Amino acid sequence: LADDLGRFLDGRPILARRMPWWERS
């Protein structure tokens, strides 16, 4: 989690991916 927040702060692509639509449904 700390690493992904660091990527966001640095403007780099994060590793987390949005949940697919079928999983959200």
PDBML (XML) file of the C-alpha atoms, coordinates in Angstrom:
<?xml version="1.0" encoding="UTF-8" ?>
<PDBx:datablock datablockName="MODEL"
   xmlns:PDBx="http://pdbml.pdb.org/schema/pdbx-v50.xsd"
   xmlns:xsi="http://www.w3.org/2001/XMLSchema-instance"
   xsi:schemaLocation="http://pdbml.pdb.org/schema/pdbx-v50.xsd pdbx-v50.xsd">
   <PDBx:atom_siteCategory>
      <PDBx:atom_site id="1">
         <PDBx:B_iso_or_equiv>0.00</PDBx:B_iso_or_equiv>
         <PDBx:Cartn_x>0.000</PDBx:Cartn_x>
         <PDBx:Cartn_y>0.000</PDBx:Cartn_y>
         <PDBx:Cartn_z>0.000</PDBx:Cartn_z>
         <PDBx:auth_asym_id>A</PDBx:auth_asym_id>
         <PDBx:auth_atom_id>CA</PDBx:auth_atom_id>
         <PDBx:auth_comp_id>LEU</PDBx:auth_comp_id>
         <PDBx:auth_seq_id>1</PDBx:auth_seq_id>
         <PDBx:group_PDB>ATOM</PDBx:group_PDB>
         <PDBx:label_alt_id xsi:nil="true" />
         <PDBx:label_asym_id>A</PDBx:label_asym_id>
         <PDBx:label_atom_id>CA</PDBx:label_atom_id>
         <PDBx:label_comp_id>LEU</PDBx:label_comp_id>
         <PDBx:label_entity_id>1</PDBx:label_entity_id>
         <PDBx:label_seq_id>1</PDBx:label_seq_id>
         <PDBx:occupancy>1.00</PDBx:occupancy>
         <PDBx:pdbx_PDB_model_num>1</PDBx:pdbx_PDB_model_num>
         <PDBx:type_symbol>C</PDBx:type_symbol>
      </PDBx:atom_site>
      <PDBx:atom_site id="2">
         <PDBx:B_iso_or_equiv>0.00</PDBx:B_iso_or_equiv>
         <PDBx:Cartn_x>2.811</PDBx:Cartn_x>
         <PDBx:Cartn_y>2.434</PDBx:Cartn_y>
         <PDBx:Cartn_z>0.891</PDBx:Cartn_z>
         <PDBx:auth_asym_id>A</PDBx:auth_asym_id>
         <PDBx:auth_atom_id>CA</PDBx:auth_atom_id>
         <PDBx:auth_comp_id>ALA</PDBx:auth_comp_id>
         <PDBx:auth_seq_id>2</PDBx:auth_seq_id>
         <PDBx:group_PDB>ATOM</PDBx:group_PDB>
         <PDBx:label_alt_id xsi:nil="true" />
         <PDBx:label_asym_id>A</PDBx:label_asym_id>
         <PDBx:label_atom_id>CA</PDBx:label_atom_id>
         <PDBx:label_comp_id>ALA</PDBx:label_comp_id>
         <PDBx:label_entity_id>1</PDBx:label_entity_id>
         <PDBx:label_seq_id>2</PDBx:label_seq_id>
         <PDBx:occupancy>1.00</PDBx:occupancy>
         <PDBx:pdbx_PDB_model_num>1</PDBx:pdbx_PDB_model_num>
         <PDBx:type_symbol>C</PDBx:type_symbol>
      </PDBx:atom_site>
      <PDBx:atom_site id="3">
         <PDBx:B_iso_or_equiv>0.00</PDBx:B_iso_or_equiv>
         <PDBx:Cartn_x>4.548</PDBx:Cartn_x>
         <PDBx:Cartn_y>1.702</PDBx:Cartn_y>
         <PDBx:Cartn_z>-2.430</PDBx:Cartn_z>
         <PDBx:auth_asym_id>A</PDBx:auth_asym_id>
         <PDBx:auth_atom_id>CA</PDBx:auth_atom_id>
         <PDBx:auth_comp_id>ASP</PDBx:auth_comp_id>
         <PDBx:auth_seq_id>3</PDBx:auth_seq_id>
         <PDBx:group_PDB>ATOM</PDBx:group_PDB>
         <PDBx:label_alt_id xsi:nil="true" />
         <PDBx:label_asym_id>A</PDBx:label_asym_id>
         <PDBx:label_atom_id>CA</PDBx:label_atom_id>
         <PDBx:label_comp_id>ASP</PDBx:label_comp_id>
         <PDBx:label_entity_id>1</PDBx:label_entity_id>
         <PDBx:label_seq_id>3</PDBx:label_seq_id>
         <PDBx:occupancy>1.00</PDBx:occupancy>
         <PDBx:pdbx_PDB_model_num>1</PDBx:pdbx_PDB_model_num>
         <PDBx:type_symbol>C</PDBx:type_symbol>
      </PDBx:atom_site>
      <PDBx:atom_site id="4">
         <PDBx:B_iso_or_equiv>0.00</PDBx:B_iso_or_equiv>
         <PDBx:Cartn_x>1.411</PDBx:Cartn_x>
         <PDBx:Cartn_y>2.357</PDBx:Cartn_y>
         <PDBx:Cartn_z>-4.475</PDBx:Cartn_z>
         <PDBx:auth_asym_id>A</PDBx:auth_asym_id>
         <PDBx:auth_atom_id>CA</PDBx:auth_atom_id>
         <PDBx:auth_comp_id>ASP</PDBx:auth_comp_id>
         <PDBx:auth_seq_id>4</PDBx:auth_seq_id>
         <PDBx:group_PDB>ATOM</PDBx:group_PDB>
         <PDBx:label_alt_id xsi:nil="true" />
         <PDBx:label_asym_id>A</PDBx:label_asym_id>
         <PDBx:label_atom_id>CA</PDBx:label_atom_id>
         <PDBx:label_comp_id>ASP</PDBx:label_comp_id>
         <PDBx:label_entity_id>1</PDBx:label_entity_id>
         <PDBx:label_seq_id>4</PDBx:label_seq_id>
         <PDBx:occupancy>1.00</PDBx:occupancy>
         <PDBx:pdbx_PDB_model_num>1</PDBx:pdbx_PDB_model_num>
         <PDBx:type_symbol>C</PDBx:type_symbol>
      </PDBx:atom_site>
      <PDBx:atom_site id="5">
         <PDBx:B_iso_or_equiv>0.00</PDBx:B_iso_or_equiv>
         <PDBx:Cartn_x>0.745</PDBx:Cartn_x>
         <PDBx:Cartn_y>5.618</PDBx:Cartn_y>
         <PDBx:Cartn_z>-2.625</PDBx:Cartn_z>
         <PDBx:auth_asym_id>A</PDBx:auth_asym_id>
         <PDBx:auth_atom_id>CA</PDBx:auth_atom_id>
         <PDBx:auth_comp_id>LEU</PDBx:auth_comp_id>
         <PDBx:auth_seq_id>5</PDBx:auth_seq_id>
         <PDBx:group_PDB>ATOM</PDBx:group_PDB>
         <PDBx:label_alt_id xsi:nil="true" />
         <PDBx:label_asym_id>A</PDBx:label_asym_id>
         <PDBx:label_atom_id>CA</PDBx:label_atom_id>
         <PDBx:label_comp_id>LEU</PDBx:label_comp_id>
         <PDBx:label_entity_id>1</PDBx:label_entity_id>
         <PDBx:label_seq_id>5</PDBx:label_seq_id>
         <PDBx:occupancy>1.00</PDBx:occupancy>
         <PDBx:pdbx_PDB_model_num>1</PDBx:pdbx_PDB_model_num>
         <PDBx:type_symbol>C</PDBx:type_symbol>
      </PDBx:atom_site>
      <PDBx:atom_site id="6">
         <PDBx:B_iso_or_equiv>0.00</PDBx:B_iso_or_equiv>
         <PDBx:Cartn_x>4.346</PDBx:Cartn_x>
         <PDBx:Cartn_y>6.578</PDBx:Cartn_y>
         <PDBx:Cartn_z>-3.396</PDBx:Cartn_z>
         <PDBx:auth_asym_id>A</PDBx:auth_asym_id>
         <PDBx:auth_atom_id>CA</PDBx:auth_atom_id>
         <PDBx:auth_comp_id>GLY</PDBx:auth_comp_id>
         <PDBx:auth_seq_id>6</PDBx:auth_seq_id>
         <PDBx:group_PDB>ATOM</PDBx:group_PDB>
         <PDBx:label_alt_id xsi:nil="true" />
         <PDBx:label_asym_id>A</PDBx:label_asym_id>
         <PDBx:label_atom_id>CA</PDBx:label_atom_id>
         <PDBx:label_comp_id>GLY</PDBx:label_comp_id>
         <PDBx:label_entity_id>1</PDBx:label_entity_id>
         <PDBx:label_seq_id>6</PDBx:label_seq_id>
         <PDBx:occupancy>1.00</PDBx:occupancy>
         <PDBx:pdbx_PDB_model_num>1</PDBx:pdbx_PDB_model_num>
         <PDBx:type_symbol>C</PDBx:type_symbol>
      </PDBx:atom_site>
      <PDBx:atom_site id="7">
         <PDBx:B_iso_or_equiv>0.00</PDBx:B_iso_or_equiv>
         <PDBx:Cartn_x>3.798</PDBx:Cartn_x>
         <PDBx:Cartn_y>5.857</PDBx:Cartn_y>
         <PDBx:Cartn_z>-7.090</PDBx:Cartn_z>
         <PDBx:auth_asym_id>A</PDBx:auth_asym_id>
         <PDBx:auth_atom_id>CA</PDBx:auth_atom_id>
         <PDBx:auth_comp_id>ARG</PDBx:auth_comp_id>
         <PDBx:auth_seq_id>7</PDBx:auth_seq_id>
         <PDBx:group_PDB>ATOM</PDBx:group_PDB>
         <PDBx:label_alt_id xsi:nil="true" />
         <PDBx:label_asym_id>A</PDBx:label_asym_id>
         <PDBx:label_atom_id>CA</PDBx:label_atom_id>
         <PDBx:label_comp_id>ARG</PDBx:label_comp_id>
         <PDBx:label_entity_id>1</PDBx:label_entity_id>
         <PDBx:label_seq_id>7</PDBx:label_seq_id>
         <PDBx:occupancy>1.00</PDBx:occupancy>
         <PDBx:pdbx_PDB_model_num>1</PDBx:pdbx_PDB_model_num>
         <PDBx:type_symbol>C</PDBx:type_symbol>
      </PDBx:atom_site>
      <PDBx:atom_site id="8">
         <PDBx:B_iso_or_equiv>0.00</PDBx:B_iso_or_equiv>
         <PDBx:Cartn_x>0.699</PDBx:Cartn_x>
         <PDBx:Cartn_y>8.050</PDBx:Cartn_y>
         <PDBx:Cartn_z>-7.045</PDBx:Cartn_z>
         <PDBx:auth_asym_id>A</PDBx:auth_asym_id>
         <PDBx:auth_atom_id>CA</PDBx:auth_atom_id>
         <PDBx:auth_comp_id>PHE</PDBx:auth_comp_id>
         <PDBx:auth_seq_id>8</PDBx:auth_seq_id>
         <PDBx:group_PDB>ATOM</PDBx:group_PDB>
         <PDBx:label_alt_id xsi:nil="true" />
         <PDBx:label_asym_id>A</PDBx:label_asym_id>
         <PDBx:label_atom_id>CA</PDBx:label_atom_id>
         <PDBx:label_comp_id>PHE</PDBx:label_comp_id>
         <PDBx:label_entity_id>1</PDBx:label_entity_id>
         <PDBx:label_seq_id>8</PDBx:label_seq_id>
         <PDBx:occupancy>1.00</PDBx:occupancy>
         <PDBx:pdbx_PDB_model_num>1</PDBx:pdbx_PDB_model_num>
         <PDBx:type_symbol>C</PDBx:type_symbol>
      </PDBx:atom_site>
      <PDBx:atom_site id="9">
         <PDBx:B_iso_or_equiv>0.00</PDBx:B_iso_or_equiv>
         <PDBx:Cartn_x>2.620</PDBx:Cartn_x>
         <PDBx:Cartn_y>10.903</PDBx:Cartn_y>
         <PDBx:Cartn_z>-5.402</PDBx:Cartn_z>
         <PDBx:auth_asym_id>A</PDBx:auth_asym_id>
         <PDBx:auth_atom_id>CA</PDBx:auth_atom_id>
         <PDBx:auth_comp_id>LEU</PDBx:auth_comp_id>
         <PDBx:auth_seq_id>9</PDBx:auth_seq_id>
         <PDBx:group_PDB>ATOM</PDBx:group_PDB>
         <PDBx:label_alt_id xsi:nil="true" />
         <PDBx:label_asym_id>A</PDBx:label_asym_id>
         <PDBx:label_atom_id>CA</PDBx:label_atom_id>
         <PDBx:label_comp_id>LEU</PDBx:label_comp_id>
         <PDBx:label_entity_id>1</PDBx:label_entity_id>
         <PDBx:label_seq_id>9</PDBx:label_seq_id>
         <PDBx:occupancy>1.00</PDBx:occupancy>
         <PDBx:pdbx_PDB_model_num>1</PDBx:pdbx_PDB_model_num>
         <PDBx:type_symbol>C</PDBx:type_symbol>
      </PDBx:atom_site>
      <PDBx:atom_site id="10">
         <PDBx:B_iso_or_equiv>0.00</PDBx:B_iso_or_equiv>
         <PDBx:Cartn_x>5.431</PDBx:Cartn_x>
         <PDBx:Cartn_y>10.570</PDBx:Cartn_y>
         <PDBx:Cartn_z>-7.954</PDBx:Cartn_z>
         <PDBx:auth_asym_id>A</PDBx:auth_asym_id>
         <PDBx:auth_atom_id>CA</PDBx:auth_atom_id>
         <PDBx:auth_comp_id>ASP</PDBx:auth_comp_id>
         <PDBx:auth_seq_id>10</PDBx:auth_seq_id>
         <PDBx:group_PDB>ATOM</PDBx:group_PDB>
         <PDBx:label_alt_id xsi:nil="true" />
         <PDBx:label_asym_id>A</PDBx:label_asym_id>
         <PDBx:label_atom_id>CA</PDBx:label_atom_id>
         <PDBx:label_comp_id>ASP</PDBx:label_comp_id>
         <PDBx:label_entity_id>1</PDBx:label_entity_id>
         <PDBx:label_seq_id>10</PDBx:label_seq_id>
         <PDBx:occupancy>1.00</PDBx:occupancy>
         <PDBx:pdbx_PDB_model_num>1</PDBx:pdbx_PDB_model_num>
         <PDBx:type_symbol>C</PDBx:type_symbol>
      </PDBx:atom_site>
      <PDBx:atom_site id="11">
         <PDBx:B_iso_or_equiv>0.00</PDBx:B_iso_or_equiv>
         <PDBx:Cartn_x>3.018</PDBx:Cartn_x>
         <PDBx:Cartn_y>10.548</PDBx:Cartn_y>
         <PDBx:Cartn_z>-10.890</PDBx:Cartn_z>
         <PDBx:auth_asym_id>A</PDBx:auth_asym_id>
         <PDBx:auth_atom_id>CA</PDBx:auth_atom_id>
         <PDBx:auth_comp_id>GLY</PDBx:auth_comp_id>
         <PDBx:auth_seq_id>11</PDBx:auth_seq_id>
         <PDBx:group_PDB>ATOM</PDBx:group_PDB>
         <PDBx:label_alt_id xsi:nil="true" />
         <PDBx:label_asym_id>A</PDBx:label_asym_id>
         <PDBx:label_atom_id>CA</PDBx:label_atom_id>
         <PDBx:label_comp_id>GLY</PDBx:label_comp_id>
         <PDBx:label_entity_id>1</PDBx:label_entity_id>
         <PDBx:label_seq_id>11</PDBx:label_seq_id>
         <PDBx:occupancy>1.00</PDBx:occupancy>
         <PDBx:pdbx_PDB_model_num>1</PDBx:pdbx_PDB_model_num>
         <PDBx:type_symbol>C</PDBx:type_symbol>
      </PDBx:atom_site>
      <PDBx:atom_site id="12">
         <PDBx:B_iso_or_equiv>0.00</PDBx:B_iso_or_equiv>
         <PDBx:Cartn_x>3.947</PDBx:Cartn_x>
         <PDBx:Cartn_y>6.976</PDBx:Cartn_y>
         <PDBx:Cartn_z>-11.865</PDBx:Cartn_z>
         <PDBx:auth_asym_id>A</PDBx:auth_asym_id>
         <PDBx:auth_atom_id>CA</PDBx:auth_atom_id>
         <PDBx:auth_comp_id>ARG</PDBx:auth_comp_id>
         <PDBx:auth_seq_id>12</PDBx:auth_seq_id>
         <PDBx:group_PDB>ATOM</PDBx:group_PDB>
         <PDBx:label_alt_id xsi:nil="true" />
         <PDBx:label_asym_id>A</PDBx:label_asym_id>
         <PDBx:label_atom_id>CA</PDBx:label_atom_id>
         <PDBx:label_comp_id>ARG</PDBx:label_comp_id>
         <PDBx:label_entity_id>1</PDBx:label_entity_id>
         <PDBx:label_seq_id>12</PDBx:label_seq_id>
         <PDBx:occupancy>1.00</PDBx:occupancy>
         <PDBx:pdbx_PDB_model_num>1</PDBx:pdbx_PDB_model_num>
         <PDBx:type_symbol>C</PDBx:type_symbol>
      </PDBx:atom_site>
      <PDBx:atom_site id="13">
         <PDBx:B_iso_or_equiv>0.00</PDBx:B_iso_or_equiv>
         <PDBx:Cartn_x>1.481</PDBx:Cartn_x>
         <PDBx:Cartn_y>4.213</PDBx:Cartn_y>
         <PDBx:Cartn_z>-12.817</PDBx:Cartn_z>
         <PDBx:auth_asym_id>A</PDBx:auth_asym_id>
         <PDBx:auth_atom_id>CA</PDBx:auth_atom_id>
         <PDBx:auth_comp_id>PRO</PDBx:auth_comp_id>
         <PDBx:auth_seq_id>13</PDBx:auth_seq_id>
         <PDBx:group_PDB>ATOM</PDBx:group_PDB>
         <PDBx:label_alt_id xsi:nil="true" />
         <PDBx:label_asym_id>A</PDBx:label_asym_id>
         <PDBx:label_atom_id>CA</PDBx:label_atom_id>
         <PDBx:label_comp_id>PRO</PDBx:label_comp_id>
         <PDBx:label_entity_id>1</PDBx:label_entity_id>
         <PDBx:label_seq_id>13</PDBx:label_seq_id>
         <PDBx:occupancy>1.00</PDBx:occupancy>
         <PDBx:pdbx_PDB_model_num>1</PDBx:pdbx_PDB_model_num>
         <PDBx:type_symbol>C</PDBx:type_symbol>
      </PDBx:atom_site>
      <PDBx:atom_site id="14">
         <PDBx:B_iso_or_equiv>0.00</PDBx:B_iso_or_equiv>
         <PDBx:Cartn_x>0.083</PDBx:Cartn_x>
         <PDBx:Cartn_y>2.398</PDBx:Cartn_y>
         <PDBx:Cartn_z>-9.788</PDBx:Cartn_z>
         <PDBx:auth_asym_id>A</PDBx:auth_asym_id>
         <PDBx:auth_atom_id>CA</PDBx:auth_atom_id>
         <PDBx:auth_comp_id>ILE</PDBx:auth_comp_id>
         <PDBx:auth_seq_id>14</PDBx:auth_seq_id>
         <PDBx:group_PDB>ATOM</PDBx:group_PDB>
         <PDBx:label_alt_id xsi:nil="true" />
         <PDBx:label_asym_id>A</PDBx:label_asym_id>
         <PDBx:label_atom_id>CA</PDBx:label_atom_id>
         <PDBx:label_comp_id>ILE</PDBx:label_comp_id>
         <PDBx:label_entity_id>1</PDBx:label_entity_id>
         <PDBx:label_seq_id>14</PDBx:label_seq_id>
         <PDBx:occupancy>1.00</PDBx:occupancy>
         <PDBx:pdbx_PDB_model_num>1</PDBx:pdbx_PDB_model_num>
         <PDBx:type_symbol>C</PDBx:type_symbol>
      </PDBx:atom_site>
      <PDBx:atom_site id="15">
         <PDBx:B_iso_or_equiv>0.00</PDBx:B_iso_or_equiv>
         <PDBx:Cartn_x>0.027</PDBx:Cartn_x>
         <PDBx:Cartn_y>-1.394</PDBx:Cartn_y>
         <PDBx:Cartn_z>-9.562</PDBx:Cartn_z>
         <PDBx:auth_asym_id>A</PDBx:auth_asym_id>
         <PDBx:auth_atom_id>CA</PDBx:auth_atom_id>
         <PDBx:auth_comp_id>LEU</PDBx:auth_comp_id>
         <PDBx:auth_seq_id>15</PDBx:auth_seq_id>
         <PDBx:group_PDB>ATOM</PDBx:group_PDB>
         <PDBx:label_alt_id xsi:nil="true" />
         <PDBx:label_asym_id>A</PDBx:label_asym_id>
         <PDBx:label_atom_id>CA</PDBx:label_atom_id>
         <PDBx:label_comp_id>LEU</PDBx:label_comp_id>
         <PDBx:label_entity_id>1</PDBx:label_entity_id>
         <PDBx:label_seq_id>15</PDBx:label_seq_id>
         <PDBx:occupancy>1.00</PDBx:occupancy>
         <PDBx:pdbx_PDB_model_num>1</PDBx:pdbx_PDB_model_num>
         <PDBx:type_symbol>C</PDBx:type_symbol>
      </PDBx:atom_site>
      <PDBx:atom_site id="16">
         <PDBx:B_iso_or_equiv>0.00</PDBx:B_iso_or_equiv>
         <PDBx:Cartn_x>-3.556</PDBx:Cartn_x>
         <PDBx:Cartn_y>-1.619</PDBx:Cartn_y>
         <PDBx:Cartn_z>-8.284</PDBx:Cartn_z>
         <PDBx:auth_asym_id>A</PDBx:auth_asym_id>
         <PDBx:auth_atom_id>CA</PDBx:auth_atom_id>
         <PDBx:auth_comp_id>ALA</PDBx:auth_comp_id>
         <PDBx:auth_seq_id>16</PDBx:auth_seq_id>
         <PDBx:group_PDB>ATOM</PDBx:group_PDB>
         <PDBx:label_alt_id xsi:nil="true" />
         <PDBx:label_asym_id>A</PDBx:label_asym_id>
         <PDBx:label_atom_id>CA</PDBx:label_atom_id>
         <PDBx:label_comp_id>ALA</PDBx:label_comp_id>
         <PDBx:label_entity_id>1</PDBx:label_entity_id>
         <PDBx:label_seq_id>16</PDBx:label_seq_id>
         <PDBx:occupancy>1.00</PDBx:occupancy>
         <PDBx:pdbx_PDB_model_num>1</PDBx:pdbx_PDB_model_num>
         <PDBx:type_symbol>C</PDBx:type_symbol>
      </PDBx:atom_site>
      <PDBx:atom_site id="17">
         <PDBx:B_iso_or_equiv>0.00</PDBx:B_iso_or_equiv>
         <PDBx:Cartn_x>-6.148</PDBx:Cartn_x>
         <PDBx:Cartn_y>-2.126</PDBx:Cartn_y>
         <PDBx:Cartn_z>-10.971</PDBx:Cartn_z>
         <PDBx:auth_asym_id>A</PDBx:auth_asym_id>
         <PDBx:auth_atom_id>CA</PDBx:auth_atom_id>
         <PDBx:auth_comp_id>ARG</PDBx:auth_comp_id>
         <PDBx:auth_seq_id>17</PDBx:auth_seq_id>
         <PDBx:group_PDB>ATOM</PDBx:group_PDB>
         <PDBx:label_alt_id xsi:nil="true" />
         <PDBx:label_asym_id>A</PDBx:label_asym_id>
         <PDBx:label_atom_id>CA</PDBx:label_atom_id>
         <PDBx:label_comp_id>ARG</PDBx:label_comp_id>
         <PDBx:label_entity_id>1</PDBx:label_entity_id>
         <PDBx:label_seq_id>17</PDBx:label_seq_id>
         <PDBx:occupancy>1.00</PDBx:occupancy>
         <PDBx:pdbx_PDB_model_num>1</PDBx:pdbx_PDB_model_num>
         <PDBx:type_symbol>C</PDBx:type_symbol>
      </PDBx:atom_site>
      <PDBx:atom_site id="18">
         <PDBx:B_iso_or_equiv>0.00</PDBx:B_iso_or_equiv>
         <PDBx:Cartn_x>-9.780</PDBx:Cartn_x>
         <PDBx:Cartn_y>-1.178</PDBx:Cartn_y>
         <PDBx:Cartn_z>-10.960</PDBx:Cartn_z>
         <PDBx:auth_asym_id>A</PDBx:auth_asym_id>
         <PDBx:auth_atom_id>CA</PDBx:auth_atom_id>
         <PDBx:auth_comp_id>ARG</PDBx:auth_comp_id>
         <PDBx:auth_seq_id>18</PDBx:auth_seq_id>
         <PDBx:group_PDB>ATOM</PDBx:group_PDB>
         <PDBx:label_alt_id xsi:nil="true" />
         <PDBx:label_asym_id>A</PDBx:label_asym_id>
         <PDBx:label_atom_id>CA</PDBx:label_atom_id>
         <PDBx:label_comp_id>ARG</PDBx:label_comp_id>
         <PDBx:label_entity_id>1</PDBx:label_entity_id>
         <PDBx:label_seq_id>18</PDBx:label_seq_id>
         <PDBx:occupancy>1.00</PDBx:occupancy>
         <PDBx:pdbx_PDB_model_num>1</PDBx:pdbx_PDB_model_num>
         <PDBx:type_symbol>C</PDBx:type_symbol>
      </PDBx:atom_site>
      <PDBx:atom_site id="19">
         <PDBx:B_iso_or_equiv>0.00</PDBx:B_iso_or_equiv>
         <PDBx:Cartn_x>-12.163</PDBx:Cartn_x>
         <PDBx:Cartn_y>-3.997</PDBx:Cartn_y>
         <PDBx:Cartn_z>-10.168</PDBx:Cartn_z>
         <PDBx:auth_asym_id>A</PDBx:auth_asym_id>
         <PDBx:auth_atom_id>CA</PDBx:auth_atom_id>
         <PDBx:auth_comp_id>MET</PDBx:auth_comp_id>
         <PDBx:auth_seq_id>19</PDBx:auth_seq_id>
         <PDBx:group_PDB>ATOM</PDBx:group_PDB>
         <PDBx:label_alt_id xsi:nil="true" />
         <PDBx:label_asym_id>A</PDBx:label_asym_id>
         <PDBx:label_atom_id>CA</PDBx:label_atom_id>
         <PDBx:label_comp_id>MET</PDBx:label_comp_id>
         <PDBx:label_entity_id>1</PDBx:label_entity_id>
         <PDBx:label_seq_id>19</PDBx:label_seq_id>
         <PDBx:occupancy>1.00</PDBx:occupancy>
         <PDBx:pdbx_PDB_model_num>1</PDBx:pdbx_PDB_model_num>
         <PDBx:type_symbol>C</PDBx:type_symbol>
      </PDBx:atom_site>
      <PDBx:atom_site id="20">
         <PDBx:B_iso_or_equiv>0.00</PDBx:B_iso_or_equiv>
         <PDBx:Cartn_x>-13.712</PDBx:Cartn_x>
         <PDBx:Cartn_y>-5.405</PDBx:Cartn_y>
         <PDBx:Cartn_z>-13.374</PDBx:Cartn_z>
         <PDBx:auth_asym_id>A</PDBx:auth_asym_id>
         <PDBx:auth_atom_id>CA</PDBx:auth_atom_id>
         <PDBx:auth_comp_id>PRO</PDBx:auth_comp_id>
         <PDBx:auth_seq_id>20</PDBx:auth_seq_id>
         <PDBx:group_PDB>ATOM</PDBx:group_PDB>
         <PDBx:label_alt_id xsi:nil="true" />
         <PDBx:label_asym_id>A</PDBx:label_asym_id>
         <PDBx:label_atom_id>CA</PDBx:label_atom_id>
         <PDBx:label_comp_id>PRO</PDBx:label_comp_id>
         <PDBx:label_entity_id>1</PDBx:label_entity_id>
         <PDBx:label_seq_id>20</PDBx:label_seq_id>
         <PDBx:occupancy>1.00</PDBx:occupancy>
         <PDBx:pdbx_PDB_model_num>1</PDBx:pdbx_PDB_model_num>
         <PDBx:type_symbol>C</PDBx:type_symbol>
      </PDBx:atom_site>
      <PDBx:atom_site id="21">
         <PDBx:B_iso_or_equiv>0.00</PDBx:B_iso_or_equiv>
         <PDBx:Cartn_x>-17.348</PDBx:Cartn_x>
         <PDBx:Cartn_y>-4.554</PDBx:Cartn_y>
         <PDBx:Cartn_z>-14.041</PDBx:Cartn_z>
         <PDBx:auth_asym_id>A</PDBx:auth_asym_id>
         <PDBx:auth_atom_id>CA</PDBx:auth_atom_id>
         <PDBx:auth_comp_id>TRP</PDBx:auth_comp_id>
         <PDBx:auth_seq_id>21</PDBx:auth_seq_id>
         <PDBx:group_PDB>ATOM</PDBx:group_PDB>
         <PDBx:label_alt_id xsi:nil="true" />
         <PDBx:label_asym_id>A</PDBx:label_asym_id>
         <PDBx:label_atom_id>CA</PDBx:label_atom_id>
         <PDBx:label_comp_id>TRP</PDBx:label_comp_id>
         <PDBx:label_entity_id>1</PDBx:label_entity_id>
         <PDBx:label_seq_id>21</PDBx:label_seq_id>
         <PDBx:occupancy>1.00</PDBx:occupancy>
         <PDBx:pdbx_PDB_model_num>1</PDBx:pdbx_PDB_model_num>
         <PDBx:type_symbol>C</PDBx:type_symbol>
      </PDBx:atom_site>
      <PDBx:atom_site id="22">
         <PDBx:B_iso_or_equiv>0.00</PDBx:B_iso_or_equiv>
         <PDBx:Cartn_x>-18.551</PDBx:Cartn_x>
         <PDBx:Cartn_y>-8.096</PDBx:Cartn_y>
         <PDBx:Cartn_z>-13.447</PDBx:Cartn_z>
         <PDBx:auth_asym_id>A</PDBx:auth_asym_id>
         <PDBx:auth_atom_id>CA</PDBx:auth_atom_id>
         <PDBx:auth_comp_id>TRP</PDBx:auth_comp_id>
         <PDBx:auth_seq_id>22</PDBx:auth_seq_id>
         <PDBx:group_PDB>ATOM</PDBx:group_PDB>
         <PDBx:label_alt_id xsi:nil="true" />
         <PDBx:label_asym_id>A</PDBx:label_asym_id>
         <PDBx:label_atom_id>CA</PDBx:label_atom_id>
         <PDBx:label_comp_id>TRP</PDBx:label_comp_id>
         <PDBx:label_entity_id>1</PDBx:label_entity_id>
         <PDBx:label_seq_id>22</PDBx:label_seq_id>
         <PDBx:occupancy>1.00</PDBx:occupancy>
         <PDBx:pdbx_PDB_model_num>1</PDBx:pdbx_PDB_model_num>
         <PDBx:type_symbol>C</PDBx:type_symbol>
      </PDBx:atom_site>
      <PDBx:atom_site id="23">
         <PDBx:B_iso_or_equiv>0.00</PDBx:B_iso_or_equiv>
         <PDBx:Cartn_x>-16.927</PDBx:Cartn_x>
         <PDBx:Cartn_y>-8.196</PDBx:Cartn_y>
         <PDBx:Cartn_z>-9.999</PDBx:Cartn_z>
         <PDBx:auth_asym_id>A</PDBx:auth_asym_id>
         <PDBx:auth_atom_id>CA</PDBx:auth_atom_id>
         <PDBx:auth_comp_id>GLU</PDBx:auth_comp_id>
         <PDBx:auth_seq_id>23</PDBx:auth_seq_id>
         <PDBx:group_PDB>ATOM</PDBx:group_PDB>
         <PDBx:label_alt_id xsi:nil="true" />
         <PDBx:label_asym_id>A</PDBx:label_asym_id>
         <PDBx:label_atom_id>CA</PDBx:label_atom_id>
         <PDBx:label_comp_id>GLU</PDBx:label_comp_id>
         <PDBx:label_entity_id>1</PDBx:label_entity_id>
         <PDBx:label_seq_id>23</PDBx:label_seq_id>
         <PDBx:occupancy>1.00</PDBx:occupancy>
         <PDBx:pdbx_PDB_model_num>1</PDBx:pdbx_PDB_model_num>
         <PDBx:type_symbol>C</PDBx:type_symbol>
      </PDBx:atom_site>
      <PDBx:atom_site id="24">
         <PDBx:B_iso_or_equiv>0.00</PDBx:B_iso_or_equiv>
         <PDBx:Cartn_x>-18.412</PDBx:Cartn_x>
         <PDBx:Cartn_y>-4.796</PDBx:Cartn_y>
         <PDBx:Cartn_z>-9.079</PDBx:Cartn_z>
         <PDBx:auth_asym_id>A</PDBx:auth_asym_id>
         <PDBx:auth_atom_id>CA</PDBx:auth_atom_id>
         <PDBx:auth_comp_id>ARG</PDBx:auth_comp_id>
         <PDBx:auth_seq_id>24</PDBx:auth_seq_id>
         <PDBx:group_PDB>ATOM</PDBx:group_PDB>
         <PDBx:label_alt_id xsi:nil="true" />
         <PDBx:label_asym_id>A</PDBx:label_asym_id>
         <PDBx:label_atom_id>CA</PDBx:label_atom_id>
         <PDBx:label_comp_id>ARG</PDBx:label_comp_id>
         <PDBx:label_entity_id>1</PDBx:label_entity_id>
         <PDBx:label_seq_id>24</PDBx:label_seq_id>
         <PDBx:occupancy>1.00</PDBx:occupancy>
         <PDBx:pdbx_PDB_model_num>1</PDBx:pdbx_PDB_model_num>
         <PDBx:type_symbol>C</PDBx:type_symbol>
      </PDBx:atom_site>
      <PDBx:atom_site id="25">
         <PDBx:B_iso_or_equiv>0.00</PDBx:B_iso_or_equiv>
         <PDBx:Cartn_x>-21.816</PDBx:Cartn_x>
         <PDBx:Cartn_y>-6.074</PDBx:Cartn_y>
         <PDBx:Cartn_z>-10.221</PDBx:Cartn_z>
         <PDBx:auth_asym_id>A</PDBx:auth_asym_id>
         <PDBx:auth_atom_id>CA</PDBx:auth_atom_id>
         <PDBx:auth_comp_id>SER</PDBx:auth_comp_id>
         <PDBx:auth_seq_id>25</PDBx:auth_seq_id>
         <PDBx:group_PDB>ATOM</PDBx:group_PDB>
         <PDBx:label_alt_id xsi:nil="true" />
         <PDBx:label_asym_id>A</PDBx:label_asym_id>
         <PDBx:label_atom_id>CA</PDBx:label_atom_id>
         <PDBx:label_comp_id>SER</PDBx:label_comp_id>
         <PDBx:label_entity_id>1</PDBx:label_entity_id>
         <PDBx:label_seq_id>25</PDBx:label_seq_id>
         <PDBx:occupancy>1.00</PDBx:occupancy>
         <PDBx:pdbx_PDB_model_num>1</PDBx:pdbx_PDB_model_num>
         <PDBx:type_symbol>C</PDBx:type_symbol>
      </PDBx:atom_site>
   </PDBx:atom_siteCategory>
</PDBx:datablock>
